[in-house]
C-alpha atoms as a PDB file:
ATOM      1  CA  MET A   1      -0.010  -0.026  -0.136  1.00  0.00           C
ATOM      2  CA  ARG A   2       1.386   3.077  -0.961  1.00  0.00           C
ATOM      3  CA  THR A   3       1.762   6.000   1.643  1.00  0.00           C
ATOM      4  CA  ASP A   4       1.491  10.265   0.918  1.00  0.00           C
ATOM      5  CA  HIS A   5       4.912  10.335   2.139  1.00  0.00           C
ATOM      6  CA  GLU A   6       5.775   8.386  -0.317  1.00  0.00           C
ATOM      7  CA  TYR A   7       3.697  10.037  -3.434  1.00  0.00           C
ATOM      8  CA  ARG A   8       5.676  13.006  -2.911  1.00  0.00           C
ATOM      9  CA  GLU A   9       8.828  12.028  -2.391  1.00  0.00           C
ATOM     10  CA  LEU A  10       8.238  10.412  -6.006  1.00  0.00           C
ATOM     11  CA  LEU A  11       6.889  13.438  -7.039  1.00  0.00           C
ATOM     12  CA  GLU A  12      10.197  15.868  -5.492  1.00  0.00           C
ATOM     13  CA  LYS A  13      12.188  13.623  -7.545  1.00  0.00           C
ATOM     14  CA  CYS A  14      10.839  13.589 -10.139  1.00  0.00           C
ATOM     15  CA  LYS A  15      10.515  16.985 -10.685  1.00  0.00           C
ATOM     16  CA  GLY A  16      14.042  17.724 -10.227  1.00  0.00           C
ATOM     17  CA  ALA A  17      14.819  14.644 -12.757  1.00  0.00           C
ATOM     18  CA  ARG A  18      13.257  16.822 -14.668  1.00  0.00           C
ATOM     19  CA  ASP A  19      15.084  20.221 -14.194  1.00  0.00           C
ATOM     20  CA  GLU A  20      18.475  19.084 -13.424  1.00  0.00           C
ATOM     21  CA  GLY A  21      18.262  15.385 -14.867  1.00  0.00           C
ATOM     22  CA  PRO A  22      18.377  12.090 -13.163  1.00  0.00           C
ATOM     23  CA  ASP A  23      21.824  12.969 -11.856  1.00  0.00           C
ATOM     24  CA  THR A  24      21.274  12.527  -8.038  1.00  0.00           C
ATOM     25  CA  LEU A  25      18.970   9.927  -8.844  1.00  0.00           C
ATOM     26  CA  SER A  26      20.007   6.550  -7.532  1.00  0.00           C
ATOM     27  CA  ALA A  27      18.701   3.588 -10.148  1.00  0.00           C
ATOM     28  CA  GLY A  28      15.331   2.972  -9.710  1.00  0.00           C
ATOM     29  CA  GLU A  29      14.271   6.207  -8.892  1.00  0.00           C
ATOM     30  CA  ARG A  30      15.739   7.065 -11.629  1.00  0.00           C
ATOM     31  CA  VAL A  31      13.772   4.491 -13.669  1.00  0.00           C
ATOM     32  CA  VAL A  32      10.618   5.936 -11.901  1.00  0.00           C
ATOM     33  CA  ALA A  33      12.139   9.381 -13.681  1.00  0.00           C
ATOM     34  CA  ALA A  34      12.041   7.653 -17.174  1.00  0.00           C
ATOM     35  CA  LEU A  35       9.094   6.359 -17.220  1.00  0.00           C
ATOM     36  CA  VAL A  36       7.179   9.209 -15.643  1.00  0.00           C
ATOM     37  CA  LEU A  37       8.607  12.507 -18.133  1.00  0.00           C
ATOM     38  CA  ASN A  38       9.366  10.120 -20.413  1.00  0.00           C
ATOM     39  CA  ARG A  39      12.812   9.275 -21.312  1.00  0.00           C
ATOM     40  CA  PRO A  40      12.676   6.246 -22.649  1.00  0.00           C
ATOM     41  CA  GLU A  41      16.507   7.528 -23.646  1.00  0.00           C
ATOM     42  CA  TRP A  42      17.129   7.356 -19.194  1.00  0.00           C
ATOM     43  CA  LEU A  43      15.764   2.949 -19.235  1.00  0.00           C
ATOM     44  CA  THR A  44      18.217   2.836 -22.779  1.00  0.00           C
ATOM     45  CA  GLU A  45      21.277   4.305 -21.174  1.00  0.00           C
ATOM     46  CA  MET A  46      20.997   2.365 -17.965  1.00  0.00           C
ATOM     47  CA  GLY A  47      19.421  -0.704 -20.220  1.00  0.00           C
ATOM     48  CA  TYR A  48      16.694  -0.960 -19.561  1.00  0.00           C
ATOM     49  CA  THR A  49      13.696  -1.860 -21.645  1.00  0.00           C
ATOM     50  CA  MET A  50       9.854  -0.488 -20.918  1.00  0.00           C
ATOM     51  CA  ALA A  51       9.201  -3.941 -19.418  1.00  0.00           C
ATOM     52  CA  GLU A  52      12.341  -3.777 -17.396  1.00  0.00           C
ATOM     53  CA  ALA A  53      11.203  -0.885 -16.209  1.00  0.00           C
ATOM     54  CA  VAL A  54       8.424  -1.233 -14.762  1.00  0.00           C
ATOM     55  CA  ASP A  55       9.043  -4.848 -13.382  1.00  0.00           C
ATOM     56  CA  ARG A  56      12.079  -3.174 -11.632  1.00  0.00           C
ATOM     57  CA  ILE A  57      10.497  -0.544  -9.789  1.00  0.00           C
ATOM     58  CA  GLY A  58       6.926  -3.219  -8.674  1.00  0.00           C
ATOM     59  CA  LEU A  59       3.689  -2.740  -8.739  1.00  0.00           C
ATOM     60  CA  ILE A  60       3.341   0.506  -5.991  1.00  0.00           C
ATOM     61  CA  LYS A  61       5.495   2.660  -7.350  1.00  0.00           C
ATOM     62  CA  CYS A  62       3.879   2.038 -11.257  1.00  0.00           C
ATOM     63  CA  SER A  63       0.254   2.106  -9.688  1.00  0.00           C
ATOM     64  CA  MET A  64       1.948   5.884  -8.349  1.00  0.00           C
ATOM     65  CA  LEU A  65       2.304   7.206 -11.906  1.00  0.00           C
ATOM     66  CA  LEU A  66      -0.266   8.723 -14.266  1.00  0.00           C
ATOM     67  CA  GLU A  67      -0.861  10.916 -10.380  1.00  0.00           C
ATOM     68  CA  VAL A  68       3.368  12.116 -10.731  1.00  0.00           C
ATOM     69  CA  GLN A  69       2.895  12.863 -14.162  1.00  0.00           C
ATOM     70  CA  ARG A  70      -0.404  14.904 -13.627  1.00  0.00           C
ATOM     71  CA  ASP A  71       0.823  17.077 -11.052  1.00  0.00           C
ATOM     72  CA  LEU A  72       3.898  17.636 -12.801  1.00  0.00           C
ATOM     73  CA  GLY A  73       2.443  18.980 -15.795  1.00  0.00           C
ATOM     74  CA  ALA A  74      -0.611  20.469 -12.949  1.00  0.00           C
ATOM     75  CA  GLN A  75       2.014  22.787 -10.885  1.00  0.00           C
ATOM     76  CA  GLY A  76       2.935  24.335 -15.084  1.00  0.00           C
ATOM     77  CA  CYS A  77       6.173  22.977 -14.915  1.00  0.00           C
END
């Protein structure tokens, strides 16, 4: 089960990746950011296919991807 803290953390990590790049993120956070920000080249650089990326982050984080993506867009960012 996801927590609000987990969601807010993913939102902030993705916002940071969008604004500053993924270099400061862990491998798992980079995968999430790549999926949220529609950056398949980041996945390729890490050696992941889309399916492998989804498997890597698990169902709980997958369930948050679209919401994080929408919230990033809604913030005018």
